[in-house]
Amino acid sequence: MHRLLTTLLVLLIFATCTTRKEVTIIDEGVILKYDCSHFEPQVKSREETSAVMHKSIETMERARSEDNVALFRSLRAARELRDIRRLEELVVREECARSK
């Protein structure tokens, strides 16, 4: 019985680790990694801000081509307000949703 419980626990831990999803934003030497199940802001420098801004353009273009008006407007508003935290979260959440 003890061996069975131990085996099940190990399998559960392994399954949890293998299903963890991450997305990465890469731009001109900047690498930002995000855990899809637990968003944590990463941007701290101008270079990181620039990486997210560039990724947001790509995300906006995709939102427009897919007629995702809500996402497009949210991204545009965050860009206009230069709200990098909101922009970062929107981009990461969209990338996570796409990677499912």
N, C-alpha and C. Protein backbone atom coordinates (compact mmCIF):
# COMPACT_ATOMS: atom_id res chain seq x y z
N MET A 1 0.83 -1.20 0.00
CA MET A 1 0.00 0.00 0.00
C MET A 1 0.87 1.26 0.00
N HIS A 2 1.89 1.27 0.85
CA HIS A 2 2.78 2.43 0.93
C HIS A 2 3.49 2.66 -0.40
N ARG A 3 3.92 1.59 -1.04
CA ARG A 3 4.59 1.69 -2.33
C ARG A 3 3.65 2.25 -3.39
N LEU A 4 2.39 1.84 -3.37
CA LEU A 4 1.40 2.33 -4.32
C LEU A 4 1.18 3.82 -4.14
N LEU A 5 1.04 4.28 -2.92
CA LEU A 5 0.85 5.70 -2.65
C LEU A 5 2.06 6.51 -3.08
N THR A 6 3.24 5.99 -2.83
CA THR A 6 4.46 6.68 -3.24
C THR A 6 4.53 6.79 -4.76
N THR A 7 4.21 5.71 -5.44
CA THR A 7 4.21 5.71 -6.90
C THR A 7 3.20 6.72 -7.44
N LEU A 8 2.01 6.74 -6.86
CA LEU A 8 1.00 7.69 -7.31
C LEU A 8 1.44 9.13 -7.07
N LEU A 9 2.06 9.39 -5.96
CA LEU A 9 2.55 10.73 -5.65
C LEU A 9 3.62 11.16 -6.64
N VAL A 10 4.54 10.28 -6.95
CA VAL A 10 5.59 10.58 -7.93
C VAL A 10 4.98 10.86 -9.30
N LEU A 11 4.01 10.06 -9.70
CA LEU A 11 3.35 10.28 -10.99
C LEU A 11 2.61 11.61 -11.02
N LEU A 12 1.96 11.96 -9.93
CA LEU A 12 1.25 13.23 -9.85
C LEU A 12 2.22 14.40 -9.95
N ILE A 13 3.33 14.33 -9.26
CA ILE A 13 4.33 15.39 -9.33
C ILE A 13 4.89 15.49 -10.74
N PHE A 14 5.20 14.35 -11.34
CA PHE A 14 5.72 14.34 -12.71
C PHE A 14 4.72 14.95 -13.68
N ALA A 15 3.46 14.57 -13.56
CA ALA A 15 2.42 15.10 -14.45
C ALA A 15 2.27 16.60 -14.28
N THR A 16 2.35 17.09 -13.07
CA THR A 16 2.24 18.52 -12.80
C THR A 16 3.40 19.27 -13.44
N CYS A 17 4.59 18.73 -13.33
CA CYS A 17 5.77 19.39 -13.88
C CYS A 17 5.75 19.39 -15.41
N THR A 18 5.28 18.33 -16.00
CA THR A 18 5.31 18.26 -17.46
C THR A 18 4.21 19.08 -18.12
N THR A 19 3.17 19.43 -17.38
CA THR A 19 2.09 20.22 -17.97
C THR A 19 2.28 21.72 -17.76
N ARG A 20 3.32 22.10 -17.08
CA ARG A 20 3.59 23.51 -16.84
C ARG A 20 3.90 24.19 -18.18
N LYS A 21 3.17 25.26 -18.46
CA LYS A 21 3.36 25.97 -19.72
C LYS A 21 4.05 27.29 -19.47
N GLU A 22 4.97 27.59 -20.34
CA GLU A 22 5.66 28.87 -20.30
C GLU A 22 5.65 29.49 -21.68
N VAL A 23 5.69 30.80 -21.72
CA VAL A 23 5.90 31.50 -22.98
C VAL A 23 7.12 32.39 -22.80
N THR A 24 7.77 32.66 -23.92
CA THR A 24 8.99 33.45 -23.90
C THR A 24 8.88 34.57 -24.92
N ILE A 25 9.29 35.75 -24.51
CA ILE A 25 9.39 36.88 -25.43
C ILE A 25 10.88 37.12 -25.64
N ILE A 26 11.30 37.09 -26.89
CA ILE A 26 12.70 37.30 -27.23
C ILE A 26 12.79 38.45 -28.22
N ASP A 27 13.66 39.40 -27.93
CA ASP A 27 13.81 40.55 -28.82
C ASP A 27 15.19 41.17 -28.59
N GLU A 28 16.02 41.19 -29.61
CA GLU A 28 17.33 41.84 -29.58
C GLU A 28 18.12 41.51 -28.31
N GLY A 29 18.26 40.24 -28.02
CA GLY A 29 19.06 39.81 -26.87
C GLY A 29 18.31 39.77 -25.54
N VAL A 30 17.09 40.28 -25.52
CA VAL A 30 16.27 40.26 -24.30
C VAL A 30 15.44 38.98 -24.30
N ILE A 31 15.46 38.27 -23.18
CA ILE A 31 14.66 37.06 -23.04
C ILE A 31 13.82 37.19 -21.78
N LEU A 32 12.51 37.16 -21.97
CA LEU A 32 11.56 37.23 -20.85
C LEU A 32 10.75 35.95 -20.84
N LYS A 33 10.75 35.23 -19.71
CA LYS A 33 10.00 33.98 -19.60
C LYS A 33 8.86 34.16 -18.60
N TYR A 34 7.71 33.59 -18.96
CA TYR A 34 6.52 33.70 -18.13
C TYR A 34 5.88 32.34 -17.91
N ASP A 35 5.43 32.10 -16.72
CA ASP A 35 4.67 30.90 -16.38
C ASP A 35 3.20 31.20 -16.67
N CYS A 36 2.59 30.42 -17.56
CA CYS A 36 1.21 30.69 -17.96
C CYS A 36 0.21 30.53 -16.81
N SER A 37 0.53 29.72 -15.84
CA SER A 37 -0.42 29.51 -14.75
C SER A 37 -0.28 30.55 -13.64
N HIS A 38 0.77 31.36 -13.70
CA HIS A 38 0.99 32.35 -12.65
C HIS A 38 1.77 33.54 -13.23
N PHE A 39 1.03 34.51 -13.76
CA PHE A 39 1.68 35.68 -14.37
C PHE A 39 2.40 36.51 -13.32
N GLU A 40 3.65 36.80 -13.61
CA GLU A 40 4.46 37.71 -12.80
C GLU A 40 5.13 38.70 -13.75
N PRO A 41 4.94 40.00 -13.54
CA PRO A 41 5.60 40.98 -14.41
C PRO A 41 7.12 40.79 -14.39
N GLN A 42 7.75 40.93 -15.55
CA GLN A 42 9.20 40.75 -15.67
C GLN A 42 9.92 42.03 -16.08
N VAL A 43 9.22 42.95 -16.69
CA VAL A 43 9.86 44.13 -17.29
C VAL A 43 10.41 45.06 -16.22
N LYS A 44 11.73 45.33 -16.36
CA LYS A 44 12.39 46.23 -15.41
C LYS A 44 13.27 47.27 -16.12
N SER A 45 13.60 47.02 -17.38
CA SER A 45 14.53 47.92 -18.07
C SER A 45 13.91 48.46 -19.36
N ARG A 46 14.58 49.43 -19.97
CA ARG A 46 14.14 49.97 -21.25
C ARG A 46 14.13 48.90 -22.33
N GLU A 47 15.15 48.05 -22.32
CA GLU A 47 15.26 46.99 -23.32
C GLU A 47 14.11 46.00 -23.20
N GLU A 48 13.75 45.67 -21.97
CA GLU A 48 12.64 44.75 -21.73
C GLU A 48 11.32 45.40 -22.13
N THR A 49 11.18 46.69 -21.84
CA THR A 49 9.99 47.43 -22.26
C THR A 49 9.87 47.40 -23.78
N SER A 50 10.98 47.62 -24.45
CA SER A 50 10.99 47.59 -25.91
C SER A 50 10.59 46.22 -26.44
N ALA A 51 11.07 45.16 -25.82
CA ALA A 51 10.72 43.80 -26.25
C ALA A 51 9.22 43.57 -26.15
N VAL A 52 8.61 44.01 -25.06
CA VAL A 52 7.16 43.83 -24.90
C VAL A 52 6.41 44.72 -25.88
N MET A 53 6.89 45.92 -26.11
CA MET A 53 6.23 46.80 -27.07
C MET A 53 6.26 46.18 -28.47
N HIS A 54 7.40 45.62 -28.86
CA HIS A 54 7.49 44.98 -30.17
C HIS A 54 6.54 43.78 -30.26
N LYS A 55 6.51 42.98 -29.22
CA LYS A 55 5.62 41.80 -29.22
C LYS A 55 4.16 42.25 -29.25
N SER A 56 3.86 43.37 -28.62
CA SER A 56 2.47 43.86 -28.61
C SER A 56 2.01 44.25 -30.01
N ILE A 57 2.93 44.75 -30.83
CA ILE A 57 2.57 45.09 -32.22
C ILE A 57 2.16 43.84 -32.97
N GLU A 58 2.97 42.79 -32.83
CA GLU A 58 2.65 41.51 -33.46
C GLU A 58 1.30 40.97 -32.95
N THR A 59 1.08 41.09 -31.66
CA THR A 59 -0.17 40.60 -31.06
C THR A 59 -1.36 41.42 -31.54
N MET A 60 -1.18 42.73 -31.67
CA MET A 60 -2.26 43.58 -32.18
C MET A 60 -2.60 43.23 -33.63
N GLU A 61 -1.57 43.01 -34.44
CA GLU A 61 -1.81 42.65 -35.84
C GLU A 61 -2.57 41.33 -35.95
N ARG A 62 -2.21 40.38 -35.12
CA ARG A 62 -2.90 39.10 -35.12
C ARG A 62 -4.34 39.27 -34.64
N ALA A 63 -4.54 40.09 -33.60
CA ALA A 63 -5.89 40.34 -33.09
C ALA A 63 -6.76 40.98 -34.17
N ARG A 64 -6.18 41.92 -34.91
CA ARG A 64 -6.94 42.58 -35.97
C ARG A 64 -7.30 41.58 -37.07
N SER A 65 -6.35 40.75 -37.48
CA SER A 65 -6.61 39.79 -38.57
C SER A 65 -7.61 38.71 -38.15
N GLU A 66 -7.70 38.45 -36.86
CA GLU A 66 -8.64 37.45 -36.35
C GLU A 66 -9.94 38.07 -35.85
N ASP A 67 -10.11 39.37 -36.10
CA ASP A 67 -11.30 40.12 -35.66
C ASP A 67 -11.53 40.03 -34.15
N ASN A 68 -10.46 40.01 -33.38
CA ASN A 68 -10.56 40.00 -31.92
C ASN A 68 -10.52 41.46 -31.47
N VAL A 69 -11.67 42.11 -31.58
CA VAL A 69 -11.78 43.55 -31.34
C VAL A 69 -11.44 43.90 -29.88
N ALA A 70 -11.91 43.09 -28.95
CA ALA A 70 -11.67 43.39 -27.53
C ALA A 70 -10.17 43.39 -27.22
N LEU A 71 -9.46 42.39 -27.70
CA LEU A 71 -8.02 42.33 -27.46
C LEU A 71 -7.32 43.48 -28.15
N PHE A 72 -7.68 43.74 -29.40
CA PHE A 72 -7.06 44.83 -30.14
C PHE A 72 -7.22 46.16 -29.41
N ARG A 73 -8.44 46.45 -28.97
CA ARG A 73 -8.69 47.72 -28.27
C ARG A 73 -7.95 47.79 -26.94
N SER A 74 -7.90 46.67 -26.22
CA SER A 74 -7.19 46.65 -24.93
C SER A 74 -5.70 46.90 -25.13
N LEU A 75 -5.13 46.26 -26.14
CA LEU A 75 -3.71 46.46 -26.44
C LEU A 75 -3.44 47.90 -26.87
N ARG A 76 -4.29 48.42 -27.74
CA ARG A 76 -4.12 49.79 -28.21
C ARG A 76 -4.20 50.79 -27.06
N ALA A 77 -5.17 50.60 -26.18
CA ALA A 77 -5.32 51.50 -25.03
C ALA A 77 -4.10 51.43 -24.11
N ALA A 78 -3.61 50.24 -23.84
CA ALA A 78 -2.43 50.08 -22.99
C ALA A 78 -1.21 50.74 -23.63
N ARG A 79 -1.07 50.59 -24.94
CA ARG A 79 0.05 51.23 -25.65
C ARG A 79 -0.06 52.75 -25.59
N GLU A 80 -1.26 53.27 -25.83
CA GLU A 80 -1.45 54.72 -25.81
C GLU A 80 -1.17 55.30 -24.43
N LEU A 81 -1.55 54.57 -23.39
CA LEU A 81 -1.30 55.02 -22.02
C LEU A 81 0.11 54.70 -21.53
N ARG A 82 0.85 53.95 -22.37
CA ARG A 82 2.19 53.47 -22.00
C ARG A 82 2.14 52.70 -20.68
N ASP A 83 1.06 51.93 -20.53
CA ASP A 83 0.87 51.09 -19.35
C ASP A 83 1.55 49.74 -19.61
N ILE A 84 2.85 49.70 -19.35
CA ILE A 84 3.64 48.53 -19.71
C ILE A 84 3.21 47.29 -18.94
N ARG A 85 2.78 47.44 -17.70
CA ARG A 85 2.33 46.28 -16.92
C ARG A 85 1.10 45.64 -17.54
N ARG A 86 0.15 46.47 -17.91
CA ARG A 86 -1.08 45.96 -18.54
C ARG A 86 -0.75 45.36 -19.91
N LEU A 87 0.07 46.03 -20.67
CA LEU A 87 0.46 45.55 -21.99
C LEU A 87 1.18 44.20 -21.88
N GLU A 88 2.09 44.11 -20.94
CA GLU A 88 2.82 42.87 -20.71
C GLU A 88 1.87 41.72 -20.37
N GLU A 89 0.93 41.99 -19.49
CA GLU A 89 -0.03 40.96 -19.09
C GLU A 89 -0.91 40.53 -20.27
N LEU A 90 -1.40 41.49 -21.04
CA LEU A 90 -2.24 41.17 -22.20
C LEU A 90 -1.49 40.30 -23.21
N VAL A 91 -0.26 40.67 -23.50
CA VAL A 91 0.54 39.92 -24.47
C VAL A 91 0.80 38.51 -23.97
N VAL A 92 1.20 38.40 -22.71
CA VAL A 92 1.52 37.08 -22.15
C VAL A 92 0.27 36.21 -22.10
N ARG A 93 -0.85 36.73 -21.65
CA ARG A 93 -2.07 35.94 -21.58
C ARG A 93 -2.51 35.46 -22.97
N GLU A 94 -2.36 36.31 -23.97
CA GLU A 94 -2.71 35.92 -25.34
C GLU A 94 -1.77 34.84 -25.85
N GLU A 95 -0.49 34.99 -25.60
CA GLU A 95 0.48 33.97 -26.01
C GLU A 95 0.21 32.64 -25.32
N CYS A 96 -0.14 32.69 -24.06
CA CYS A 96 -0.47 31.46 -23.32
C CYS A 96 -1.72 30.80 -23.91
N ALA A 97 -2.72 31.60 -24.22
CA ALA A 97 -3.95 31.07 -24.79
C ALA A 97 -3.68 30.43 -26.16
N ARG A 98 -2.81 31.01 -26.92
CA ARG A 98 -2.48 30.48 -28.25
C ARG A 98 -1.68 29.18 -28.18
N SER A 99 -0.95 29.00 -27.11
CA SER A 99 -0.08 27.83 -27.01
C SER A 99 -0.79 26.60 -26.47
N LYS A 100 -2.09 26.70 -26.21
CA LYS A 100 -2.85 25.55 -25.68
C LYS A 100 -3.04 24.51 -26.74
